Amino acid sequence: MLIKLREKIRNQRGFTLVELMVVIAIIGILAAIAVPKMSGAMDAAKIAKIQADLRIIASAEVVYFTQNGSYVGQLSTLKTADLLAEVPIPPATAGPYTVNTTTGEVTSTFGGKTYTSNGTSATPLNTGG
């Protein structure tokens, strides 16, 4: 019985070079399809983070305005006033969060669009031009 097992092992062959090349080509094609889709998902995640941060900052702005009668000039003021645990940091490729001291609106730009804490958060601002 042990002899038959040894014969089976000796008679087995590995993969041919052509079979390995076909498998590598298939993996390459699948990777080429997946990579662009993942970069789109990364952009969608960054936009979702910006929108969430803007909602959090807007809520803190409303509380600050209610307590003080004016809007903050710097986001660090919201942290000092204990309205934010930490000042949100925008994604690396997005613009900084800026505060309009007249309206309390907070904005950030990403991918050529400006996202705002007022109104629909995914709508680009009308820049008049």
Protein backbone atom coordinates (compact mmCIF):
# COMPACT_ATOMS: atom_id res chain seq x y z
CA MET A 1 0.00 0.00 0.00
CA LEU A 2 2.83 2.36 0.82
CA ILE A 3 4.45 1.54 -2.50
CA LYS A 4 1.27 2.48 -4.43
CA LEU A 5 1.13 5.80 -2.61
CA ARG A 6 4.75 6.56 -3.52
CA GLU A 7 4.04 5.73 -7.16
CA LYS A 8 1.06 8.12 -7.21
CA ILE A 9 3.19 10.88 -5.77
CA ARG A 10 5.94 10.30 -8.36
CA ASN A 11 3.44 10.22 -11.22
CA GLN A 12 1.82 13.51 -10.26
CA ARG A 13 2.85 16.47 -12.31
CA GLY A 14 2.97 20.17 -11.44
CA PHE A 15 1.38 23.01 -13.32
CA THR A 16 2.73 23.82 -16.75
CA LEU A 17 4.15 27.23 -17.56
CA VAL A 18 1.16 27.97 -19.81
CA GLU A 19 -1.31 27.20 -17.01
CA LEU A 20 0.56 29.49 -14.63
CA MET A 21 0.65 32.27 -17.22
CA VAL A 22 -3.12 31.98 -17.78
CA VAL A 23 -3.79 32.24 -14.04
CA ILE A 24 -1.50 35.27 -13.71
CA ALA A 25 -3.23 36.94 -16.69
CA ILE A 26 -6.67 36.35 -15.13
CA ILE A 27 -5.51 37.82 -11.81
CA GLY A 28 -4.11 40.84 -13.67
CA ILE A 29 -7.39 41.42 -15.49
CA LEU A 30 -9.38 41.20 -12.25
CA ALA A 31 -7.01 43.64 -10.55
CA ALA A 32 -7.34 46.08 -13.47
CA ILE A 33 -11.10 46.01 -13.05
CA ALA A 34 -11.08 46.35 -9.25
CA VAL A 35 -8.58 49.18 -8.77
CA PRO A 36 -10.60 51.98 -10.44
CA LYS A 37 -13.73 50.97 -8.56
CA MET A 38 -11.87 51.16 -5.26
CA SER A 39 -10.57 54.66 -5.95
CA GLY A 40 -14.16 55.79 -6.51
CA ALA A 41 -15.11 54.25 -3.19
CA MET A 42 -12.28 56.16 -1.51
CA ASP A 43 -13.59 59.46 -2.90
CA ALA A 44 -17.12 58.61 -1.74
CA ALA A 45 -15.79 57.87 1.75
CA LYS A 46 -13.93 61.20 1.85
CA ILE A 47 -17.09 63.06 0.81
CA ALA A 48 -19.09 61.25 3.49
CA LYS A 49 -16.49 62.25 6.11
CA ILE A 50 -16.62 65.88 5.00
CA GLN A 51 -20.42 65.90 5.15
CA ALA A 52 -20.44 64.30 8.61
CA ASP A 53 -17.83 66.74 9.90
CA LEU A 54 -19.79 69.70 8.53
CA ARG A 55 -22.96 68.51 10.29
CA ILE A 56 -21.08 68.13 13.59
CA ILE A 57 -19.47 71.56 13.28
CA ALA A 58 -22.80 73.16 12.30
CA SER A 59 -24.48 71.70 15.39
CA ALA A 60 -21.72 73.08 17.62
CA GLU A 61 -21.99 76.45 15.84
CA VAL A 62 -25.71 76.66 16.58
CA VAL A 63 -25.13 75.94 20.27
CA TYR A 64 -22.29 78.50 20.41
CA PHE A 65 -24.45 81.12 18.68
CA THR A 66 -27.30 80.44 21.12
CA GLN A 67 -24.98 80.88 24.10
CA ASN A 68 -22.93 83.86 22.85
CA GLY A 69 -24.98 85.65 20.19
CA SER A 70 -22.23 85.42 17.57
CA TYR A 71 -20.51 82.83 15.42
CA VAL A 72 -16.97 81.66 16.02
CA GLY A 73 -14.07 82.80 13.87
CA GLN A 74 -11.94 79.73 14.50
CA LEU A 75 -13.05 76.12 14.96
CA SER A 76 -10.67 75.80 17.90
CA THR A 77 -13.02 78.12 19.80
CA LEU A 78 -15.68 75.39 19.67
CA LYS A 79 -13.24 72.99 21.31
CA THR A 80 -12.30 75.56 23.96
CA ALA A 81 -16.01 76.07 24.69
CA ASP A 82 -16.38 72.26 25.12
CA LEU A 83 -18.76 72.03 22.17
CA LEU A 84 -16.40 69.77 20.20
CA ALA A 85 -14.24 67.01 21.66
CA GLU A 86 -11.72 67.56 18.86
CA VAL A 87 -11.62 69.87 15.86
CA PRO A 88 -12.37 67.66 12.83
CA ILE A 89 -9.54 67.31 10.34
CA PRO A 90 -10.59 67.17 6.67
CA PRO A 91 -9.27 64.39 4.40
CA ALA A 92 -5.76 64.99 3.03
CA THR A 93 -6.89 66.06 -0.45
CA ALA A 94 -9.75 68.30 0.76
CA GLY A 95 -9.58 71.97 1.58
CA PRO A 96 -9.67 73.15 5.20
CA TYR A 97 -12.91 73.73 7.06
CA THR A 98 -13.54 77.48 6.99
CA VAL A 99 -16.13 79.41 8.98
CA ASN A 100 -18.11 82.41 7.74
CA THR A 101 -18.39 84.60 10.86
CA THR A 102 -21.45 86.40 9.49
CA THR A 103 -23.64 83.39 8.70
CA GLY A 104 -21.96 80.60 10.68
CA GLU A 105 -21.70 78.55 7.50
CA VAL A 106 -18.80 76.08 7.40
CA THR A 107 -17.36 75.03 4.03
CA SER A 108 -14.76 72.71 2.57
CA THR A 109 -13.76 71.92 -0.99
CA PHE A 110 -13.04 68.51 -2.45
CA GLY A 111 -12.81 67.39 -6.06
CA GLY A 112 -13.63 70.86 -7.36
CA LYS A 113 -16.89 71.08 -5.36
CA THR A 114 -17.56 73.16 -2.29
CA TYR A 115 -19.48 71.42 0.46
CA THR A 116 -21.39 73.51 2.97
CA SER A 117 -22.97 73.02 6.39
CA ASN A 118 -26.10 74.94 5.30
CA GLY A 119 -28.61 73.39 2.94
CA THR A 120 -27.90 70.17 1.08
CA SER A 121 -24.40 69.19 2.06
CA ALA A 122 -23.46 67.62 -1.29
CA THR A 123 -24.55 70.58 -3.42
CA PRO A 124 -21.80 72.82 -4.84
CA LEU A 125 -22.14 76.44 -3.80
CA ASN A 126 -23.33 78.90 -6.41
CA THR A 127 -20.26 81.10 -6.90
CA GLY A 128 -22.07 83.42 -9.31
CA GLY A 129 -20.00 82.54 -12.30
